[in-house]
């Protein structure tokens, strides 16, 4: 499972992407992924919003995750 990071999420984590290792316990859902990331990177919890895309489509908290999924963390954007 590869996790891609953009904008402020990338700055908080310090990388543009990372993978869960084969031995890692994978989150079973988007909600579990968010909880795991917020535990590892508490600054993510301070963002006003954090959208998740699974395999290039926006996903709700209930969406199930599997090992080969590509995840994108999409932080809030500003601009005009």
Foldseek 3Di string as FASTA:
>chain_A
DKEAEDDVRCVQVVHRIDADDPPDDDDFWQLSVVVVVCVVRVVVVVAPDKWKAWQNHTDDRGHTDDRPIYMYIDGDDDDD
